[in-house]
Amino acid sequence: AAAKANPPLVSGGYSKINLFGEEM
């Protein structure tokens, strides 16, 4: 339902690293 003109690319095996700081 979401794919229209081009098929999407789907991949796994990732991690998200988040850097947080109020002074940023």
mmCIF file of all heavy atoms, coordinates in Angstrom:
data_MODEL
# 
_entry.id   MODEL 
# 
loop_
_atom_site.group_PDB 
_atom_site.id 
_atom_site.type_symbol 
_atom_site.label_atom_id 
_atom_site.label_alt_id 
_atom_site.label_comp_id 
_atom_site.label_asym_id 
_atom_site.label_entity_id 
_atom_site.label_seq_id 
_atom_site.pdbx_PDB_ins_code 
_atom_site.Cartn_x 
_atom_site.Cartn_y 
_atom_site.Cartn_z 
_atom_site.occupancy 
_atom_site.B_iso_or_equiv 
_atom_site.pdbx_formal_charge 
_atom_site.auth_seq_id 
_atom_site.auth_comp_id 
_atom_site.auth_asym_id 
_atom_site.auth_atom_id 
_atom_site.pdbx_PDB_model_num 
ATOM 1   N N   . ALA A 1 1  ? 0.821  -1.210 0.000  1.00 0.00 ? 1  ALA A N   1 
ATOM 2   C CA  . ALA A 1 1  ? 0.000  0.000  0.000  1.00 0.00 ? 1  ALA A CA  1 
ATOM 3   C C   . ALA A 1 1  ? 0.855  1.259  0.000  1.00 0.00 ? 1  ALA A C   1 
ATOM 4   O O   . ALA A 1 1  ? 0.419  2.320  -0.463 1.00 0.00 ? 1  ALA A O   1 
ATOM 5   C CB  . ALA A 1 1  ? -0.918 0.002  1.225  1.00 0.00 ? 1  ALA A CB  1 
ATOM 6   N N   . ALA A 1 2  ? 2.099  1.154  0.524  1.00 0.00 ? 2  ALA A N   1 
ATOM 7   C CA  . ALA A 1 2  ? 2.963  2.328  0.599  1.00 0.00 ? 2  ALA A CA  1 
ATOM 8   C C   . ALA A 1 2  ? 3.824  2.487  -0.643 1.00 0.00 ? 2  ALA A C   1 
ATOM 9   O O   . ALA A 1 2  ? 4.134  3.616  -1.058 1.00 0.00 ? 2  ALA A O   1 
ATOM 10  C CB  . ALA A 1 2  ? 3.860  2.236  1.830  1.00 0.00 ? 2  ALA A CB  1 
ATOM 11  N N   . ALA A 1 3  ? 4.240  1.369  -1.243 1.00 0.00 ? 3  ALA A N   1 
ATOM 12  C CA  . ALA A 1 3  ? 5.109  1.434  -2.419 1.00 0.00 ? 3  ALA A CA  1 
ATOM 13  C C   . ALA A 1 3  ? 4.334  1.963  -3.611 1.00 0.00 ? 3  ALA A C   1 
ATOM 14  O O   . ALA A 1 3  ? 3.248  1.487  -3.912 1.00 0.00 ? 3  ALA A O   1 
ATOM 15  C CB  . ALA A 1 3  ? 5.671  0.045  -2.718 1.00 0.00 ? 3  ALA A CB  1 
ATOM 16  N N   . LYS A 1 4  ? 4.925  2.929  -4.305 1.00 0.00 ? 4  LYS A N   1 
ATOM 17  C CA  . LYS A 1 4  ? 4.245  3.525  -5.450 1.00 0.00 ? 4  LYS A CA  1 
ATOM 18  C C   . LYS A 1 4  ? 5.121  3.379  -6.690 1.00 0.00 ? 4  LYS A C   1 
ATOM 19  O O   . LYS A 1 4  ? 5.132  2.333  -7.332 1.00 0.00 ? 4  LYS A O   1 
ATOM 20  C CB  . LYS A 1 4  ? 3.898  4.977  -5.151 1.00 0.00 ? 4  LYS A CB  1 
ATOM 21  C CG  . LYS A 1 4  ? 2.896  5.099  -3.987 1.00 0.00 ? 4  LYS A CG  1 
ATOM 22  C CD  . LYS A 1 4  ? 2.450  6.511  -3.732 1.00 0.00 ? 4  LYS A CD  1 
ATOM 23  C CE  . LYS A 1 4  ? 1.439  6.562  -2.603 1.00 0.00 ? 4  LYS A CE  1 
ATOM 24  N NZ  . LYS A 1 4  ? 0.946  7.926  -2.348 1.00 0.00 ? 4  LYS A NZ  1 
ATOM 25  N N   . ALA A 1 5  ? 5.891  4.392  -7.021 1.00 0.00 ? 5  ALA A N   1 
ATOM 26  C CA  . ALA A 1 5  ? 6.663  4.337  -8.266 1.00 0.00 ? 5  ALA A CA  1 
ATOM 27  C C   . ALA A 1 5  ? 7.773  3.298  -8.201 1.00 0.00 ? 5  ALA A C   1 
ATOM 28  O O   . ALA A 1 5  ? 7.961  2.523  -9.136 1.00 0.00 ? 5  ALA A O   1 
ATOM 29  C CB  . ALA A 1 5  ? 7.240  5.719  -8.579 1.00 0.00 ? 5  ALA A CB  1 
ATOM 30  N N   . ASN A 1 6  ? 8.501  3.277  -7.101 1.00 0.00 ? 6  ASN A N   1 
ATOM 31  C CA  . ASN A 1 6  ? 9.652  2.383  -6.978 1.00 0.00 ? 6  ASN A CA  1 
ATOM 32  C C   . ASN A 1 6  ? 9.507  1.494  -5.757 1.00 0.00 ? 6  ASN A C   1 
ATOM 33  O O   . ASN A 1 6  ? 9.018  1.940  -4.707 1.00 0.00 ? 6  ASN A O   1 
ATOM 34  C CB  . ASN A 1 6  ? 10.946 3.195  -6.864 1.00 0.00 ? 6  ASN A CB  1 
ATOM 35  C CG  . ASN A 1 6  ? 11.193 4.055  -8.088 1.00 0.00 ? 6  ASN A CG  1 
ATOM 36  O OD1 . ASN A 1 6  ? 11.089 3.580  -9.210 1.00 0.00 ? 6  ASN A OD1 1 
ATOM 37  N ND2 . ASN A 1 6  ? 11.508 5.324  -7.866 1.00 0.00 ? 6  ASN A ND2 1 
ATOM 38  N N   . PRO A 1 7  ? 9.929  0.244  -5.843 1.00 0.00 ? 7  PRO A N   1 
ATOM 39  C CA  . PRO A 1 7  ? 9.863  -0.626 -4.672 1.00 0.00 ? 7  PRO A CA  1 
ATOM 40  C C   . PRO A 1 7  ? 10.820 -0.147 -3.589 1.00 0.00 ? 7  PRO A C   1 
ATOM 41  O O   . PRO A 1 7  ? 11.904 0.340  -3.888 1.00 0.00 ? 7  PRO A O   1 
ATOM 42  C CB  . PRO A 1 7  ? 10.283 -1.993 -5.225 1.00 0.00 ? 7  PRO A CB  1 
ATOM 43  C CG  . PRO A 1 7  ? 11.100 -1.681 -6.435 1.00 0.00 ? 7  PRO A CG  1 
ATOM 44  C CD  . PRO A 1 7  ? 10.499 -0.443 -7.020 1.00 0.00 ? 7  PRO A CD  1 
ATOM 45  N N   . PRO A 1 8  ? 10.436 -0.269 -2.334 1.00 0.00 ? 8  PRO A N   1 
ATOM 46  C CA  . PRO A 1 8  ? 11.304 0.174  -1.239 1.00 0.00 ? 8  PRO A CA  1 
ATOM 47  C C   . PRO A 1 8  ? 12.433 -0.810 -0.992 1.00 0.00 ? 8  PRO A C   1 
ATOM 48  O O   . PRO A 1 8  ? 12.390 -1.965 -1.414 1.00 0.00 ? 8  PRO A O   1 
ATOM 49  C CB  . PRO A 1 8  ? 10.345 0.221  -0.045 1.00 0.00 ? 8  PRO A CB  1 
ATOM 50  C CG  . PRO A 1 8  ? 9.322  -0.813 -0.370 1.00 0.00 ? 8  PRO A CG  1 
ATOM 51  C CD  . PRO A 1 8  ? 9.143  -0.775 -1.860 1.00 0.00 ? 8  PRO A CD  1 
ATOM 52  N N   . LEU A 1 9  ? 13.446 -0.334 -0.289 1.00 0.00 ? 9  LEU A N   1 
ATOM 53  C CA  . LEU A 1 9  ? 14.573 -1.153 0.124  1.00 0.00 ? 9  LEU A CA  1 
ATOM 54  C C   . LEU A 1 9  ? 14.447 -1.394 1.621  1.00 0.00 ? 9  LEU A C   1 
ATOM 55  O O   . LEU A 1 9  ? 14.334 -0.440 2.399  1.00 0.00 ? 9  LEU A O   1 
ATOM 56  C CB  . LEU A 1 9  ? 15.890 -0.444 -0.188 1.00 0.00 ? 9  LEU A CB  1 
ATOM 57  C CG  . LEU A 1 9  ? 16.081 0.016  -1.641 1.00 0.00 ? 9  LEU A CG  1 
ATOM 58  C CD1 . LEU A 1 9  ? 17.366 0.828  -1.768 1.00 0.00 ? 9  LEU A CD1 1 
ATOM 59  C CD2 . LEU A 1 9  ? 16.097 -1.179 -2.582 1.00 0.00 ? 9  LEU A CD2 1 
ATOM 60  N N   . VAL A 1 10 ? 14.470 -2.651 2.022  1.00 0.00 ? 10 VAL A N   1 
ATOM 61  C CA  . VAL A 1 10 ? 14.309 -3.010 3.424  1.00 0.00 ? 10 VAL A CA  1 
ATOM 62  C C   . VAL A 1 10 ? 15.510 -3.837 3.862  1.00 0.00 ? 10 VAL A C   1 
ATOM 63  O O   . VAL A 1 10 ? 15.881 -4.802 3.193  1.00 0.00 ? 10 VAL A O   1 
ATOM 64  C CB  . VAL A 1 10 ? 13.013 -3.809 3.662  1.00 0.00 ? 10 VAL A CB  1 
ATOM 65  C CG1 . VAL A 1 10 ? 12.866 -4.163 5.138  1.00 0.00 ? 10 VAL A CG1 1 
ATOM 66  C CG2 . VAL A 1 10 ? 11.794 -3.023 3.183  1.00 0.00 ? 10 VAL A CG2 1 
ATOM 67  N N   . SER A 1 11 ? 16.117 -3.453 4.959  1.00 0.00 ? 11 SER A N   1 
ATOM 68  C CA  . SER A 1 11 ? 17.279 -4.196 5.464  1.00 0.00 ? 11 SER A CA  1 
ATOM 69  C C   . SER A 1 11 ? 17.297 -4.141 6.980  1.00 0.00 ? 11 SER A C   1 
ATOM 70  O O   . SER A 1 11 ? 16.725 -3.232 7.595  1.00 0.00 ? 11 SER A O   1 
ATOM 71  C CB  . SER A 1 11 ? 18.585 -3.628 4.892  1.00 0.00 ? 11 SER A CB  1 
ATOM 72  O OG  . SER A 1 11 ? 18.704 -2.247 5.182  1.00 0.00 ? 11 SER A OG  1 
ATOM 73  N N   . GLY A 1 12 ? 17.952 -5.134 7.589  1.00 0.00 ? 12 GLY A N   1 
ATOM 74  C CA  . GLY A 1 12 ? 18.040 -5.195 9.040  1.00 0.00 ? 12 GLY A CA  1 
ATOM 75  C C   . GLY A 1 12 ? 19.476 -5.341 9.495  1.00 0.00 ? 12 GLY A C   1 
ATOM 76  O O   . GLY A 1 12 ? 20.415 -5.212 8.710  1.00 0.00 ? 12 GLY A O   1 
ATOM 77  N N   . GLY A 1 13 ? 19.641 -5.578 10.800 1.00 0.00 ? 13 GLY A N   1 
ATOM 78  C CA  . GLY A 1 13 ? 20.981 -5.761 11.350 1.00 0.00 ? 13 GLY A CA  1 
ATOM 79  C C   . GLY A 1 13 ? 21.657 -4.470 11.758 1.00 0.00 ? 13 GLY A C   1 
ATOM 80  O O   . GLY A 1 13 ? 22.882 -4.354 11.658 1.00 0.00 ? 13 GLY A O   1 
ATOM 81  N N   . TYR A 1 14 ? 20.875 -3.495 12.236 1.00 0.00 ? 14 TYR A N   1 
ATOM 82  C CA  . TYR A 1 14 ? 21.440 -2.201 12.604 1.00 0.00 ? 14 TYR A CA  1 
ATOM 83  C C   . TYR A 1 14 ? 21.261 -1.924 14.095 1.00 0.00 ? 14 TYR A C   1 
ATOM 84  O O   . TYR A 1 14 ? 20.417 -2.518 14.765 1.00 0.00 ? 14 TYR A O   1 
ATOM 85  C CB  . TYR A 1 14 ? 20.773 -1.070 11.820 1.00 0.00 ? 14 TYR A CB  1 
ATOM 86  C CG  . TYR A 1 14 ? 20.902 -1.197 10.327 1.00 0.00 ? 14 TYR A CG  1 
ATOM 87  C CD1 . TYR A 1 14 ? 19.816 -1.615 9.560  1.00 0.00 ? 14 TYR A CD1 1 
ATOM 88  C CD2 . TYR A 1 14 ? 22.099 -0.908 9.682  1.00 0.00 ? 14 TYR A CD2 1 
ATOM 89  C CE1 . TYR A 1 14 ? 19.926 -1.738 8.180  1.00 0.00 ? 14 TYR A CE1 1 
ATOM 90  C CE2 . TYR A 1 14 ? 22.221 -1.021 8.307  1.00 0.00 ? 14 TYR A CE2 1 
ATOM 91  C CZ  . TYR A 1 14 ? 21.126 -1.435 7.560  1.00 0.00 ? 14 TYR A CZ  1 
ATOM 92  O OH  . TYR A 1 14 ? 21.241 -1.559 6.209  1.00 0.00 ? 14 TYR A OH  1 
ATOM 93  N N   . SER A 1 15 ? 22.045 -0.990 14.593 1.00 0.00 ? 15 SER A N   1 
ATOM 94  C CA  . SER A 1 15 ? 21.881 -0.434 15.933 1.00 0.00 ? 15 SER A CA  1 
ATOM 95  C C   . SER A 1 15 ? 21.822 1.080  15.818 1.00 0.00 ? 15 SER A C   1 
ATOM 96  O O   . SER A 1 15 ? 22.444 1.672  14.937 1.00 0.00 ? 15 SER A O   1 
ATOM 97  C CB  . SER A 1 15 ? 23.042 -0.832 16.859 1.00 0.00 ? 15 SER A CB  1 
ATOM 98  O OG  . SER A 1 15 ? 23.010 -2.204 17.173 1.00 0.00 ? 15 SER A OG  1 
ATOM 99  N N   . LYS A 1 16 ? 21.071 1.689  16.717 1.00 0.00 ? 16 LYS A N   1 
ATOM 100 C CA  . LYS A 1 16 ? 21.008 3.152  16.774 1.00 0.00 ? 16 LYS A CA  1 
ATOM 101 C C   . LYS A 1 16 ? 21.797 3.631  17.980 1.00 0.00 ? 16 LYS A C   1 
ATOM 102 O O   . LYS A 1 16 ? 21.578 3.174  19.107 1.00 0.00 ? 16 LYS A O   1 
ATOM 103 C CB  . LYS A 1 16 ? 19.564 3.643  16.881 1.00 0.00 ? 16 LYS A CB  1 
ATOM 104 C CG  . LYS A 1 16 ? 19.458 5.167  16.884 1.00 0.00 ? 16 LYS A CG  1 
ATOM 105 C CD  . LYS A 1 16 ? 18.020 5.644  16.988 1.00 0.00 ? 16 LYS A CD  1 
ATOM 106 C CE  . LYS A 1 16 ? 17.525 5.635  18.401 1.00 0.00 ? 16 LYS A CE  1 
ATOM 107 N NZ  . LYS A 1 16 ? 16.232 6.347  18.572 1.00 0.00 ? 16 LYS A NZ  1 
ATOM 108 N N   . ILE A 1 17 ? 22.727 4.540  17.743 1.00 0.00 ? 17 ILE A N   1 
ATOM 109 C CA  . ILE A 1 17 ? 23.484 5.186  18.811 1.00 0.00 ? 17 ILE A CA  1 
ATOM 110 C C   . ILE A 1 17 ? 22.930 6.601  18.977 1.00 0.00 ? 17 ILE A C   1 
ATOM 111 O O   . ILE A 1 17 ? 22.787 7.334  18.006 1.00 0.00 ? 17 ILE A O   1 
ATOM 112 C CB  . ILE A 1 17 ? 24.986 5.270  18.474 1.00 0.00 ? 17 ILE A CB  1 
ATOM 113 C CG1 . ILE A 1 17 ? 25.548 3.885  18.141 1.00 0.00 ? 17 ILE A CG1 1 
ATOM 114 C CG2 . ILE A 1 17 ? 25.751 5.921  19.626 1.00 0.00 ? 17 ILE A CG2 1 
ATOM 115 C CD1 . ILE A 1 17 ? 25.596 2.931  19.286 1.00 0.00 ? 17 ILE A CD1 1 
ATOM 116 N N   . ASN A 1 18 ? 22.621 6.963  20.212 1.00 0.00 ? 18 ASN A N   1 
ATOM 117 C CA  . ASN A 1 18 ? 22.094 8.302  20.470 1.00 0.00 ? 18 ASN A CA  1 
ATOM 118 C C   . ASN A 1 18 ? 23.011 9.057  21.422 1.00 0.00 ? 18 ASN A C   1 
ATOM 119 O O   . ASN A 1 18 ? 23.370 8.555  22.489 1.00 0.00 ? 18 ASN A O   1 
ATOM 120 C CB  . ASN A 1 18 ? 20.689 8.221  21.063 1.00 0.00 ? 18 ASN A CB  1 
ATOM 121 C CG  . ASN A 1 18 ? 20.077 9.586  21.308 1.00 0.00 ? 18 ASN A CG  1 
ATOM 122 O OD1 . ASN A 1 18 ? 20.127 10.110 22.407 1.00 0.00 ? 18 ASN A OD1 1 
ATOM 123 N ND2 . ASN A 1 18 ? 19.499 10.164 20.272 1.00 0.00 ? 18 ASN A ND2 1 
ATOM 124 N N   . LEU A 1 19 ? 23.405 10.247 21.016 1.00 0.00 ? 19 LEU A N   1 
ATOM 125 C CA  . LEU A 1 19 ? 24.178 11.165 21.858 1.00 0.00 ? 19 LEU A CA  1 
ATOM 126 C C   . LEU A 1 19 ? 23.231 12.252 22.336 1.00 0.00 ? 19 LEU A C   1 
ATOM 127 O O   . LEU A 1 19 ? 22.611 12.939 21.520 1.00 0.00 ? 19 LEU A O   1 
ATOM 128 C CB  . LEU A 1 19 ? 25.329 11.790 21.069 1.00 0.00 ? 19 LEU A CB  1 
ATOM 129 C CG  . LEU A 1 19 ? 26.270 10.847 20.328 1.00 0.00 ? 19 LEU A CG  1 
ATOM 130 C CD1 . LEU A 1 19 ? 27.291 11.636 19.535 1.00 0.00 ? 19 LEU A CD1 1 
ATOM 131 C CD2 . LEU A 1 19 ? 26.952 9.905  21.285 1.00 0.00 ? 19 LEU A CD2 1 
ATOM 132 N N   . PHE A 1 20 ? 23.144 12.425 23.633 1.00 0.00 ? 20 PHE A N   1 
ATOM 133 C CA  . PHE A 1 20 ? 22.208 13.409 24.193 1.00 0.00 ? 20 PHE A CA  1 
ATOM 134 C C   . PHE A 1 20 ? 22.941 14.366 25.118 1.00 0.00 ? 20 PHE A C   1 
ATOM 135 O O   . PHE A 1 20 ? 23.863 13.970 25.831 1.00 0.00 ? 20 PHE A O   1 
ATOM 136 C CB  . PHE A 1 20 ? 21.095 12.714 24.978 1.00 0.00 ? 20 PHE A CB  1 
ATOM 137 C CG  . PHE A 1 20 ? 20.195 13.674 25.712 1.00 0.00 ? 20 PHE A CG  1 
ATOM 138 C CD1 . PHE A 1 20 ? 19.141 14.288 25.068 1.00 0.00 ? 20 PHE A CD1 1 
ATOM 139 C CD2 . PHE A 1 20 ? 20.437 13.983 27.050 1.00 0.00 ? 20 PHE A CD2 1 
ATOM 140 C CE1 . PHE A 1 20 ? 18.316 15.186 25.743 1.00 0.00 ? 20 PHE A CE1 1 
ATOM 141 C CE2 . PHE A 1 20 ? 19.632 14.882 27.739 1.00 0.00 ? 20 PHE A CE2 1 
ATOM 142 C CZ  . PHE A 1 20 ? 18.569 15.479 27.073 1.00 0.00 ? 20 PHE A CZ  1 
ATOM 143 N N   . GLY A 1 21 ? 22.504 15.613 25.100 1.00 0.00 ? 21 GLY A N   1 
ATOM 144 C CA  . GLY A 1 21 ? 23.047 16.587 26.039 1.00 0.00 ? 21 GLY A CA  1 
ATOM 145 C C   . GLY A 1 21 ? 22.278 17.890 25.957 1.00 0.00 ? 21 GLY A C   1 
ATOM 146 O O   . GLY A 1 21 ? 22.053 18.408 24.861 1.00 0.00 ? 21 GLY A O   1 
ATOM 147 N N   . GLU A 1 22 ? 21.865 18.407 27.104 1.00 0.00 ? 22 GLU A N   1 
ATOM 148 C CA  . GLU A 1 22 ? 21.125 19.668 27.105 1.00 0.00 ? 22 GLU A CA  1 
ATOM 149 C C   . GLU A 1 22 ? 21.993 20.832 26.649 1.00 0.00 ? 22 GLU A C   1 
ATOM 150 O O   . GLU A 1 22 ? 21.476 21.840 26.162 1.00 0.00 ? 22 GLU A O   1 
ATOM 151 C CB  . GLU A 1 22 ? 20.558 19.933 28.501 1.00 0.00 ? 22 GLU A CB  1 
ATOM 152 C CG  . GLU A 1 22 ? 19.492 18.934 28.908 1.00 0.00 ? 22 GLU A CG  1 
ATOM 153 C CD  . GLU A 1 22 ? 18.879 19.242 30.250 1.00 0.00 ? 22 GLU A CD  1 
ATOM 154 O OE1 . GLU A 1 22 ? 19.330 20.224 30.893 1.00 0.00 ? 22 GLU A OE1 1 
ATOM 155 O OE2 . GLU A 1 22 ? 17.962 18.514 30.667 1.00 0.00 ? 22 GLU A OE2 1 
ATOM 156 N N   . GLU A 1 23 ? 23.310 20.702 26.800 1.00 0.00 ? 23 GLU A N   1 
ATOM 157 C CA  . GLU A 1 23 ? 24.216 21.775 26.374 1.00 0.00 ? 23 GLU A CA  1 
ATOM 158 C C   . GLU A 1 23 ? 24.539 21.693 24.885 1.00 0.00 ? 23 GLU A C   1 
ATOM 159 O O   . GLU A 1 23 ? 25.194 22.585 24.338 1.00 0.00 ? 23 GLU A O   1 
ATOM 160 C CB  . GLU A 1 23 ? 25.513 21.724 27.180 1.00 0.00 ? 23 GLU A CB  1 
ATOM 161 C CG  . GLU A 1 23 ? 25.332 22.038 28.654 1.00 0.00 ? 23 GLU A CG  1 
ATOM 162 C CD  . GLU A 1 23 ? 26.648 22.032 29.400 1.00 0.00 ? 23 GLU A CD  1 
ATOM 163 O OE1 . GLU A 1 23 ? 27.671 21.769 28.758 1.00 0.00 ? 23 GLU A OE1 1 
ATOM 164 O OE2 . GLU A 1 23 ? 26.635 22.298 30.616 1.00 0.00 ? 23 GLU A OE2 1 
ATOM 165 N N   . MET A 1 24 ? 24.055 20.652 24.226 1.00 0.00 ? 24 MET A N   1 
ATOM 166 C CA  . MET A 1 24 ? 24.380 20.485 22.816 1.00 0.00 ? 24 MET A CA  1 
ATOM 167 C C   . MET A 1 24 ? 23.856 21.638 21.968 1.00 0.00 ? 24 MET A C   1 
ATOM 168 O O   . MET A 1 24 ? 24.431 21.986 20.931 1.00 0.00 ? 24 MET A O   1 
ATOM 169 C CB  . MET A 1 24 ? 23.824 19.153 22.300 1.00 0.00 ? 24 MET A CB  1 
ATOM 170 C CG  . MET A 1 24 ? 24.463 18.673 21.018 1.00 0.00 ? 24 MET A CG  1 
ATOM 171 S SD  . MET A 1 24 ? 23.835 17.063 20.467 1.00 0.00 ? 24 MET A SD  1 
ATOM 172 C CE  . MET A 1 24 ? 24.424 16.000 21.790 1.00 0.00 ? 24 MET A CE  1 
# 
